[in-house]
Structure formats: C-alpha cells, structure tokens
Amino acid sequence: MLKLCYVEDQWAYFSPQDPTKLFYDDWDDAPYEHNASAPYGTDIVVVAFSGPFYTPAHFARSCNSPYSAQQINRGAIAWLSPSPYDDVPNAQYIHAGVSLEEFKAAIKAMGGEIYVREE
C-alpha cells in the first residue's frame, strides 16, 4: 500500500515504506520547505492535486516553518490542512501515512481534484 510521505506545492509523494522510517536529503532539517528534497526512486509515486489546502509552509512565520520533513512524518502537523480563510465543506487534515486511496477521497471530499498522467 502506498502511503503519503511528502508534499511540495501541489505535488503529493507516496511510498510503500513507513513514512516515519524514510530519510532523504535533509529531511531532518527545518524548515523543510527550504531544505528537504522531494523523495526519489522507482518506488515513489507522485500525484498532482488542487484545492483549498495549506501545507505547513503556508503557516510559517518569517517565511520559515519550524518543521522538518521527519517531524511532519512523525505527526507533528498534517501535510495538508483545510484553508483557514475559506469555509471548506467536509474539512479534513491529511497526515503522513494516509494511503493513496484515502488521500484521493479526502481531496475530493473537500472539493479538490486529483490529476494523473495517462500513458
């Protein structure tokens, strides 16, 4: 089962590994948005999405969040939160470790969309 392990802008990254056990370049450095690299490898699946969602970087003071990717994957904060400025129906927080199926359902429930590459 693929599990959410990283979010950057409108890209969500999924791995078959437990997100708390993953480590990529600078995943232990905060702020993650200026240090951590996106995960890479043949087992990583990348999904594009849109909707009224905020990453931890959006809540950063002074342009730097206090979180590393490892801290987020260990549950310090959700990878995606509903917009605090909009009335989001069915608001949900999307944490590390949710399955790809759960992720897609949560995005759609909040009025978002999922984009996939067709071959």
C-alpha atoms as a PDB file:
ATOM      1  CA  MET A   1       0.000   0.000   0.000  1.00  0.00           C
ATOM      2  CA  LEU A   2       1.314   3.449  -0.929  1.00  0.00           C
ATOM      3  CA  LYS A   3       1.493   5.978   1.927  1.00  0.00           C
ATOM      4  CA  LEU A   4       1.813   9.764   1.871  1.00  0.00           C
ATOM      5  CA  CYS A   5       5.347  10.808   2.801  1.00  0.00           C
ATOM      6  CA  TYR A   6       5.894  14.322   1.407  1.00  0.00           C
ATOM      7  CA  VAL A   7       4.030  17.306  -0.074  1.00  0.00           C
ATOM      8  CA  GLU A   8       5.555  20.129  -2.081  1.00  0.00           C
ATOM      9  CA  ASP A   9       3.293  22.750  -3.619  1.00  0.00           C
ATOM     10  CA  GLN A  10       0.587  20.795  -5.484  1.00  0.00           C
ATOM     11  CA  TRP A  11       2.521  17.521  -5.566  1.00  0.00           C
ATOM     12  CA  ALA A  12       1.986  14.662  -3.124  1.00  0.00           C
ATOM     13  CA  TYR A  13       4.570  11.880  -2.850  1.00  0.00           C
ATOM     14  CA  PHE A  14       3.735   8.322  -1.856  1.00  0.00           C
ATOM     15  CA  SER A  15       5.950   5.420  -0.852  1.00  0.00           C
ATOM     16  CA  PRO A  16       5.294   1.787   0.052  1.00  0.00           C
ATOM     17  CA  GLN A  17       7.553   2.347   3.093  1.00  0.00           C
ATOM     18  CA  ASP A  18       6.510   3.634   6.516  1.00  0.00           C
ATOM     19  CA  PRO A  19       6.956   7.444   6.312  1.00  0.00           C
ATOM     20  CA  THR A  20       8.475   7.567   9.804  1.00  0.00           C
ATOM     21  CA  LYS A  21      11.315   5.353   8.574  1.00  0.00           C
ATOM     22  CA  LEU A  22      12.080   7.258   5.354  1.00  0.00           C
ATOM     23  CA  PHE A  23      15.045   9.588   5.045  1.00  0.00           C
ATOM     24  CA  TYR A  24      16.008  11.623   2.010  1.00  0.00           C
ATOM     25  CA  ASP A  25      18.297  14.625   1.561  1.00  0.00           C
ATOM     26  CA  ASP A  26      17.961  16.996   4.535  1.00  0.00           C
ATOM     27  CA  TRP A  27      14.711  15.517   5.827  1.00  0.00           C
ATOM     28  CA  ASP A  28      15.985  16.159   9.340  1.00  0.00           C
ATOM     29  CA  ASP A  29      16.474  19.895   8.734  1.00  0.00           C
ATOM     30  CA  ALA A  30      13.936  22.628   9.422  1.00  0.00           C
ATOM     31  CA  PRO A  31      12.454  24.406   7.686  1.00  0.00           C
ATOM     32  CA  TYR A  32      11.618  21.500   5.407  1.00  0.00           C
ATOM     33  CA  GLU A  33      10.414  23.822   2.627  1.00  0.00           C
ATOM     34  CA  HIS A  34      13.934  25.257   2.193  1.00  0.00           C
ATOM     35  CA  ASN A  35      15.987  22.158   2.983  1.00  0.00           C
ATOM     36  CA  ALA A  36      14.299  18.850   2.218  1.00  0.00           C
ATOM     37  CA  SER A  37      14.491  17.323  -1.220  1.00  0.00           C
ATOM     38  CA  ALA A  38      11.495  15.596  -2.693  1.00  0.00           C
ATOM     39  CA  PRO A  39      11.688  11.822  -2.331  1.00  0.00           C
ATOM     40  CA  TYR A  40      13.091   9.943  -5.288  1.00  0.00           C
ATOM     41  CA  GLY A  41      13.390   6.393  -6.537  1.00  0.00           C
ATOM     42  CA  THR A  42      11.463   3.894  -8.588  1.00  0.00           C
ATOM     43  CA  ASP A  43       9.060   3.094  -5.743  1.00  0.00           C
ATOM     44  CA  ILE A  44       7.875   6.723  -5.311  1.00  0.00           C
ATOM     45  CA  VAL A  45       4.529   7.708  -6.847  1.00  0.00           C
ATOM     46  CA  VAL A  46       3.800  11.399  -7.427  1.00  0.00           C
ATOM     47  CA  VAL A  47       0.231  12.724  -7.589  1.00  0.00           C
ATOM     48  CA  ALA A  48      -0.852  16.241  -8.562  1.00  0.00           C
ATOM     49  CA  PHE A  49      -3.815  17.799  -6.785  1.00  0.00           C
ATOM     50  CA  SER A  50      -5.633  21.107  -6.441  1.00  0.00           C
ATOM     51  CA  GLY A  51      -7.992  22.545  -3.888  1.00  0.00           C
ATOM     52  CA  PRO A  52      -8.263  24.722  -0.769  1.00  0.00           C
ATOM     53  CA  PHE A  53      -5.353  23.161   1.113  1.00  0.00           C
ATOM     54  CA  TYR A  54      -2.430  24.551   3.041  1.00  0.00           C
ATOM     55  CA  THR A  55       0.934  22.934   3.736  1.00  0.00           C
ATOM     56  CA  PRO A  56       2.892  23.604   6.941  1.00  0.00           C
ATOM     57  CA  ALA A  57       4.940  26.134   4.940  1.00  0.00           C
ATOM     58  CA  HIS A  58       1.819  28.265   4.439  1.00  0.00           C
ATOM     59  CA  PHE A  59       1.555  28.771   8.204  1.00  0.00           C
ATOM     60  CA  ALA A  60       5.224  29.736   8.584  1.00  0.00           C
ATOM     61  CA  ARG A  61       6.194  32.886  10.384  1.00  0.00           C
ATOM     62  CA  SER A  62       9.095  34.799   8.857  1.00  0.00           C
ATOM     63  CA  CYS A  63       8.927  32.550   5.767  1.00  0.00           C
ATOM     64  CA  ASN A  64      10.311  29.550   7.675  1.00  0.00           C
ATOM     65  CA  SER A  65       8.223  26.789   9.190  1.00  0.00           C
ATOM     66  CA  PRO A  66       9.570  25.190  12.365  1.00  0.00           C
ATOM     67  CA  TYR A  67       9.197  21.657  10.945  1.00  0.00           C
ATOM     68  CA  SER A  68      11.446  19.163   9.226  1.00  0.00           C
ATOM     69  CA  ALA A  69      10.008  16.534   6.888  1.00  0.00           C
ATOM     70  CA  GLN A  70      10.834  13.916   9.538  1.00  0.00           C
ATOM     71  CA  GLN A  71       8.835  15.796  12.185  1.00  0.00           C
ATOM     72  CA  ILE A  72       5.847  16.082   9.860  1.00  0.00           C
ATOM     73  CA  ASN A  73       6.059  12.384   9.005  1.00  0.00           C
ATOM     74  CA  ARG A  74       6.102  11.607  12.729  1.00  0.00           C
ATOM     75  CA  GLY A  75       2.843  13.517  13.246  1.00  0.00           C
ATOM     76  CA  ALA A  76       3.909  16.992  14.408  1.00  0.00           C
ATOM     77  CA  ILE A  77       1.476  18.576  11.938  1.00  0.00           C
ATOM     78  CA  ALA A  78      -0.588  17.471   8.942  1.00  0.00           C
ATOM     79  CA  TRP A  79       0.928  17.656   5.477  1.00  0.00           C
ATOM     80  CA  LEU A  80      -2.285  19.288   4.261  1.00  0.00           C
ATOM     81  CA  SER A  81      -4.778  21.347   6.236  1.00  0.00           C
ATOM     82  CA  PRO A  82      -8.021  22.988   5.128  1.00  0.00           C
ATOM     83  CA  SER A  83      -7.778  26.677   4.327  1.00  0.00           C
ATOM     84  CA  PRO A  84      -8.274  28.744   7.496  1.00  0.00           C
ATOM     85  CA  TYR A  85      -9.695  31.544   5.349  1.00  0.00           C
ATOM     86  CA  ASP A  86     -12.413  29.639   3.498  1.00  0.00           C
ATOM     87  CA  ASP A  87     -15.427  27.702   4.649  1.00  0.00           C
ATOM     88  CA  VAL A  88     -14.302  24.295   3.421  1.00  0.00           C
ATOM     89  CA  PRO A  89     -17.049  21.664   3.367  1.00  0.00           C
ATOM     90  CA  ASN A  90     -16.031  18.337   4.902  1.00  0.00           C
ATOM     91  CA  ALA A  91     -12.760  19.853   6.165  1.00  0.00           C
ATOM     92  CA  GLN A  92     -10.112  17.229   6.831  1.00  0.00           C
ATOM     93  CA  TYR A  93      -6.470  17.208   7.830  1.00  0.00           C
ATOM     94  CA  ILE A  94      -4.291  14.923   5.724  1.00  0.00           C
ATOM     95  CA  HIS A  95      -1.414  13.424   7.697  1.00  0.00           C
ATOM     96  CA  ALA A  96       1.625  11.435   6.676  1.00  0.00           C
ATOM     97  CA  GLY A  97       0.912   7.756   6.230  1.00  0.00           C
ATOM     98  CA  VAL A  98      -2.552   8.019   4.685  1.00  0.00           C
ATOM     99  CA  SER A  99      -2.994   5.656   1.771  1.00  0.00           C
ATOM    100  CA  LEU A 100      -3.251   6.929  -1.783  1.00  0.00           C
ATOM    101  CA  GLU A 101      -6.922   5.912  -1.791  1.00  0.00           C
ATOM    102  CA  GLU A 102      -7.606   7.796   1.471  1.00  0.00           C
ATOM    103  CA  PHE A 103      -5.736  10.818   0.113  1.00  0.00           C
ATOM    104  CA  LYS A 104      -7.793  10.912  -3.078  1.00  0.00           C
ATOM    105  CA  ALA A 105     -11.051  10.542  -1.134  1.00  0.00           C
ATOM    106  CA  ALA A 106     -10.115  13.374   1.275  1.00  0.00           C
ATOM    107  CA  ILE A 107      -9.073  15.720  -1.547  1.00  0.00           C
ATOM    108  CA  LYS A 108     -12.317  15.071  -3.432  1.00  0.00           C
ATOM    109  CA  ALA A 109     -14.441  15.393  -0.258  1.00  0.00           C
ATOM    110  CA  MET A 110     -13.105  18.919   0.236  1.00  0.00           C
ATOM    111  CA  GLY A 111     -13.858  19.943  -3.342  1.00  0.00           C
ATOM    112  CA  GLY A 112     -10.373  19.344  -4.700  1.00  0.00           C
ATOM    113  CA  GLU A 113      -9.239  17.448  -7.754  1.00  0.00           C
ATOM    114  CA  ILE A 114      -6.667  14.744  -8.459  1.00  0.00           C
ATOM    115  CA  TYR A 115      -4.625  14.708 -11.672  1.00  0.00           C
ATOM    116  CA  VAL A 116      -2.971  11.624 -13.119  1.00  0.00           C
ATOM    117  CA  ARG A 117      -0.668  11.041 -16.053  1.00  0.00           C
ATOM    118  CA  GLU A 118      -2.037   8.804 -18.757  1.00  0.00           C
ATOM    119  CA  GLU A 119       0.291   6.659 -20.809  1.00  0.00           C
END
